[in-house]
Amino acid sequence: MVNQWAPIYLKKNQKFEFIDELASGSIPALILKKAFSMKTCKKITEKILDFNYITNGPGIKKKIGVSLNSFINQKGIYFEKTRFIEKTLEQYFPYNEDPRITMQNLLSIVFSMETEIAKENNSNYSKGVFRFHGTDESFKIHRDSAHYEAIGYHVSKFPLQFSAVLHLQPAEYGGELVIYKKIWKHSDEKYRTPYFGYSEKVVHDIESIKIKPEAGDIVIINPIHYHAISKIKGKHDRISIGFFFAPTDEQRLACWA
């Protein structure tokens, strides 16, 4: 389909038929250009900056929302905190104004599959996480895989996993998404660093691309490929919303964070 390793750019309501190529990595990223307007992004940003429950998590100092990676061995606490935060966020974003729901609806159009929040024992998984990266911060080289990391959770049974990230406020300088043309394998664990991420040795001499998203862009990747965020400079935080999704046996897309 493509002659070089480069992202595919789509309009927000355009269908995409090459999910296998995205899964295999022959396409590094799918970018829905201007999926949200600048005005909407600014409105969402103003709301979340006024939110009281900002926490931290693996590899990140500031976030809003519950991520599975923070509670790998604490399933009960994960679902308990998810219920609390989601109920609180509903006061800020009624259902039809929640940008994470809008993102799901766009994925339904792009991939021609209905989306749903992943559930386990009648408990909903987190809908997504708002992330803030500040000046001089970066996000270490890492990969995401519920199939490997979250054994014991229902979402670990999905053989494929994708991530979708909406960029609300780009960094003034830096903050590019760096994607490496390498899929994680178990033998790479020798390069793992304490707490979060991997040594740069894991991608030594590996081809990579940089994506500088604009506000309103949704970037979709297969996160089993190593990826990182370059160092951020300037006055403003890099702010985004992200979640994972996976095709199910029922030909739906289950979403979680």
Protein backbone atom coordinates (compact mmCIF):
# COMPACT_ATOMS: atom_id res chain seq x y z
CA MET A 1 0.00 0.00 0.00
CA VAL A 2 2.87 2.41 0.81
CA ASN A 3 6.43 2.63 -0.51
CA GLN A 4 7.94 4.17 2.58
CA TRP A 5 7.44 3.98 6.33
CA ALA A 6 5.21 6.99 6.88
CA PRO A 7 1.91 7.86 8.58
CA ILE A 8 -1.40 7.75 6.75
CA TYR A 9 -3.43 10.96 7.05
CA LEU A 10 -7.23 10.84 6.97
CA LYS A 11 -10.08 13.27 7.35
CA LYS A 12 -12.02 12.63 10.53
CA ASN A 13 -14.96 10.85 8.84
CA GLN A 14 -12.89 8.92 6.30
CA LYS A 15 -12.93 5.11 6.47
CA PHE A 16 -9.74 3.08 6.81
CA GLU A 17 -9.58 -0.49 5.49
CA PHE A 18 -5.99 -1.42 6.30
CA ILE A 19 -6.12 -2.27 10.01
CA ASP A 20 -3.88 -5.31 9.39
CA GLU A 21 -1.13 -3.05 8.05
CA LEU A 22 -1.47 -0.83 11.11
CA ALA A 23 -1.29 -3.90 13.35
CA SER A 24 1.81 -5.29 11.63
CA GLY A 25 3.58 -1.95 11.63
CA SER A 26 3.92 -1.59 7.88
CA ILE A 27 1.97 1.62 8.55
CA PRO A 28 3.49 3.32 11.64
CA ALA A 29 0.57 5.61 12.43
CA LEU A 30 -2.86 6.74 11.34
CA ILE A 31 -3.59 10.44 11.85
CA LEU A 32 -7.09 11.90 11.78
CA LYS A 33 -6.41 15.53 10.88
CA LYS A 34 -8.46 18.21 12.63
CA ALA A 35 -10.75 15.63 14.20
CA PHE A 36 -11.59 18.31 16.80
CA SER A 37 -11.73 22.05 16.11
CA MET A 38 -9.26 24.45 17.73
CA LYS A 39 -12.17 26.06 19.57
CA THR A 40 -13.28 22.71 21.03
CA CYS A 41 -9.72 21.80 22.04
CA LYS A 42 -9.33 25.11 23.85
CA LYS A 43 -12.65 24.63 25.66
CA ILE A 44 -11.71 21.11 26.80
CA THR A 45 -8.28 22.31 27.94
CA GLU A 46 -9.76 25.12 30.02
CA LYS A 47 -12.12 22.66 31.72
CA ILE A 48 -9.52 20.07 32.64
CA LEU A 49 -7.06 22.67 33.93
CA ASP A 50 -9.76 23.51 36.47
CA PHE A 51 -10.15 19.86 37.54
CA ASN A 52 -9.15 19.09 41.15
CA TYR A 53 -8.05 15.46 40.89
CA ILE A 54 -4.66 15.58 39.18
CA THR A 55 -2.41 12.60 39.99
CA ASN A 56 0.74 10.98 38.61
CA GLY A 57 1.53 7.59 37.13
CA PRO A 58 4.28 5.51 35.49
CA GLY A 59 6.48 7.85 33.47
CA ILE A 60 4.27 10.93 33.95
CA LYS A 61 4.01 13.61 36.63
CA LYS A 62 0.50 14.96 35.93
CA LYS A 63 -2.59 13.19 34.67
CA ILE A 64 -6.36 13.10 35.13
CA GLY A 65 -8.04 9.73 35.01
CA VAL A 66 -7.18 6.18 35.95
CA SER A 67 -4.72 4.11 33.94
CA LEU A 68 -4.42 0.35 34.17
CA ASN A 69 -0.62 0.56 34.20
CA SER A 70 -0.79 2.17 37.65
CA PHE A 71 -2.73 -0.77 39.15
CA ILE A 72 -1.38 -3.89 37.43
CA ASN A 73 -1.65 -5.95 40.62
CA GLN A 74 -4.52 -4.04 42.24
CA LYS A 75 -7.59 -4.81 40.19
CA GLY A 76 -10.08 -3.90 42.92
CA ILE A 77 -8.47 -0.51 43.51
CA TYR A 78 -8.31 0.17 39.76
CA PHE A 79 -12.07 -0.29 39.32
CA GLU A 80 -12.85 1.57 42.54
CA LYS A 81 -10.82 4.60 41.51
CA THR A 82 -12.22 4.42 37.99
CA ARG A 83 -15.79 4.63 39.31
CA PHE A 84 -14.90 7.66 41.44
CA ILE A 85 -13.02 9.62 38.78
CA GLU A 86 -15.50 8.86 36.00
CA LYS A 87 -18.40 10.00 38.17
CA THR A 88 -16.51 13.20 38.98
CA LEU A 89 -15.61 13.83 35.34
CA GLU A 90 -19.28 13.51 34.38
CA GLN A 91 -19.84 16.79 36.23
CA TYR A 92 -17.37 18.45 33.86
CA PHE A 93 -18.26 16.56 30.70
CA PRO A 94 -21.85 15.34 30.28
CA TYR A 95 -21.95 12.18 28.14
CA ASN A 96 -22.46 13.95 24.81
CA GLU A 97 -19.67 16.45 25.61
CA ASP A 98 -17.06 13.95 26.81
CA PRO A 99 -14.22 14.13 24.26
CA ARG A 100 -13.35 10.48 24.91
CA ILE A 101 -16.85 9.44 23.76
CA THR A 102 -16.50 11.66 20.69
CA MET A 103 -13.19 9.93 19.94
CA GLN A 104 -14.89 6.53 20.22
CA ASN A 105 -17.58 7.64 17.79
CA LEU A 106 -14.94 8.73 15.30
CA LEU A 107 -13.17 5.36 15.61
CA SER A 108 -16.48 3.66 14.82
CA ILE A 109 -16.63 5.54 11.54
CA VAL A 110 -12.96 5.07 10.63
CA PHE A 111 -12.87 1.31 11.29
CA SER A 112 -16.54 0.53 10.50
CA MET A 113 -17.03 -1.13 13.89
CA GLU A 114 -19.10 -0.14 16.91
CA THR A 115 -17.12 0.93 19.97
CA GLU A 116 -17.80 0.17 23.63
CA ILE A 117 -16.11 0.67 26.97
CA ALA A 118 -14.47 -2.57 28.04
CA LYS A 119 -16.19 -4.22 31.03
CA GLU A 120 -15.27 -6.84 33.59
CA ASN A 121 -17.76 -8.29 36.10
CA ASN A 122 -20.18 -5.43 35.36
CA SER A 123 -17.50 -2.83 36.09
CA ASN A 124 -16.43 -0.40 33.39
CA TYR A 125 -12.78 0.17 32.58
CA SER A 126 -11.47 3.74 32.53
CA LYS A 127 -12.62 5.73 29.49
CA GLY A 128 -9.27 7.45 29.00
CA VAL A 129 -6.61 9.61 30.58
CA PHE A 130 -5.78 13.31 30.18
CA ARG A 131 -1.98 13.78 30.26
CA PHE A 132 0.12 16.89 30.89
CA HIS A 133 3.79 17.05 29.91
CA GLY A 134 5.61 20.18 31.05
CA THR A 135 8.79 22.05 30.16
CA ASP A 136 11.95 19.91 30.11
CA GLU A 137 9.89 16.75 30.42
CA SER A 138 10.01 13.88 27.98
CA PHE A 139 8.40 10.44 27.89
CA LYS A 140 10.88 7.58 27.88
CA ILE A 141 11.11 4.90 25.23
CA HIS A 142 8.45 2.33 26.02
CA ARG A 143 5.81 0.05 24.59
CA ASP A 144 2.30 -0.79 25.77
CA SER A 145 0.87 -4.29 25.95
CA ALA A 146 -2.02 -5.31 28.19
CA HIS A 147 -1.60 -8.81 26.74
CA TYR A 148 1.79 -9.06 28.45
CA GLU A 149 1.55 -6.64 31.39
CA ALA A 150 -2.05 -6.90 32.60
CA ILE A 151 -2.46 -10.65 33.00
CA GLY A 152 -5.50 -11.16 35.21
CA TYR A 153 -7.48 -8.40 33.54
CA HIS A 154 -9.97 -9.27 30.81
CA VAL A 155 -8.33 -6.85 28.33
CA SER A 156 -5.14 -8.95 28.42
CA LYS A 157 -6.99 -11.55 26.33
CA PHE A 158 -7.11 -9.30 23.27
CA PRO A 159 -4.33 -10.35 20.85
CA LEU A 160 -4.22 -6.88 19.26
CA GLN A 161 -4.06 -3.49 20.92
CA PHE A 162 -4.05 0.01 19.48
CA SER A 163 -3.85 3.43 21.09
CA ALA A 164 -5.67 6.62 20.17
CA VAL A 165 -4.43 10.01 21.37
CA LEU A 166 -6.15 13.36 20.83
CA HIS A 167 -3.79 16.32 21.02
CA LEU A 168 -5.42 19.26 22.77
CA GLN A 169 -2.44 21.58 23.22
CA PRO A 170 0.92 20.94 21.55
CA ALA A 171 4.20 21.97 23.11
CA GLU A 172 5.68 25.20 21.77
CA TYR A 173 8.87 23.32 20.93
CA GLY A 174 9.60 19.60 20.97
CA GLY A 175 7.02 17.15 22.22
CA GLU A 176 7.09 15.09 19.02
CA LEU A 177 5.88 11.52 19.06
CA VAL A 178 8.83 9.30 18.10
CA ILE A 179 7.91 5.86 16.73
CA TYR A 180 10.57 3.20 16.18
CA LYS A 181 10.35 0.51 13.54
CA LYS A 182 10.73 -2.23 16.11
CA ILE A 183 8.18 -4.41 17.86
CA TRP A 184 8.83 -5.41 21.46
CA LYS A 185 9.98 -8.94 22.10
CA HIS A 186 10.51 -10.72 25.40
CA SER A 187 14.30 -10.75 25.10
CA ASP A 188 14.20 -6.92 25.19
CA GLU A 189 13.36 -7.04 28.88
CA LYS A 190 17.09 -6.93 29.65
CA TYR A 191 16.94 -3.27 28.55
CA ARG A 192 14.07 -2.39 30.88
CA THR A 193 14.77 0.42 33.35
CA PRO A 194 13.45 0.73 36.92
CA TYR A 195 9.90 2.06 37.29
CA PHE A 196 9.20 2.82 33.63
CA GLY A 197 10.54 2.48 30.10
CA TYR A 198 13.59 1.04 28.38
CA SER A 199 17.19 2.02 27.78
CA GLU A 200 17.94 3.67 24.44
CA LYS A 201 20.01 0.58 23.63
CA VAL A 202 16.77 -1.26 22.82
CA VAL A 203 16.35 0.88 19.68
CA HIS A 204 20.00 1.39 18.76
CA ASP A 205 20.34 1.84 14.98
CA ILE A 206 16.57 1.35 14.53
CA GLU A 207 14.71 3.47 11.97
CA SER A 208 12.28 5.96 13.49
CA ILE A 209 9.91 8.76 12.52
CA LYS A 210 8.82 11.90 14.37
CA ILE A 211 5.26 13.17 14.33
CA LYS A 212 4.50 16.71 15.46
CA PRO A 213 0.73 16.63 16.07
CA GLU A 214 -1.38 19.76 15.91
CA ALA A 215 -4.26 20.56 18.23
CA GLY A 216 -7.28 18.52 17.16
CA ASP A 217 -5.32 15.67 15.58
CA ILE A 218 -5.96 12.09 16.71
CA VAL A 219 -2.93 9.82 16.34
CA ILE A 220 -3.51 6.05 16.26
CA ILE A 221 -0.66 3.53 16.55
CA ASN A 222 0.00 -0.07 17.49
CA PRO A 223 1.76 0.62 20.82
CA ILE A 224 3.69 -2.67 20.83
CA HIS A 225 6.12 -0.66 18.69
CA TYR A 226 8.60 1.27 20.79
CA HIS A 227 7.69 4.92 21.04
CA ALA A 228 8.59 8.01 23.05
CA ILE A 229 7.93 11.76 23.34
CA SER A 230 10.82 14.15 22.74
CA LYS A 231 11.79 16.79 25.30
CA ILE A 232 9.31 19.65 25.67
CA LYS A 233 10.31 23.30 25.68
CA GLY A 234 8.28 26.48 26.07
CA LYS A 235 5.69 27.94 28.41
CA HIS A 236 2.77 25.61 27.71
CA ASP A 237 2.19 21.99 28.71
CA ARG A 238 1.72 19.38 26.02
CA ILE A 239 -1.84 18.20 26.81
CA SER A 240 -3.52 15.14 25.32
CA ILE A 241 -6.22 12.52 25.91
CA GLY A 242 -5.53 8.87 25.27
CA PHE A 243 -6.92 5.36 25.56
CA PHE A 244 -6.37 1.90 24.12
CA PHE A 245 -8.74 -0.10 21.97
CA ALA A 246 -8.87 -3.61 20.55
CA PRO A 247 -11.02 -5.53 18.06
CA THR A 248 -13.19 -8.13 19.80
CA ASP A 249 -14.59 -11.46 18.61
CA GLU A 250 -17.92 -9.67 18.14
CA GLN A 251 -16.35 -7.29 15.60
CA ARG A 252 -16.52 -4.36 17.98
CA LEU A 253 -13.80 -2.12 19.36
CA ALA A 254 -13.38 -2.38 23.14
CA CYS A 255 -11.83 0.75 24.69
CA TRP A 256 -9.99 1.20 27.97
CA ALA A 257 -7.22 3.09 29.73
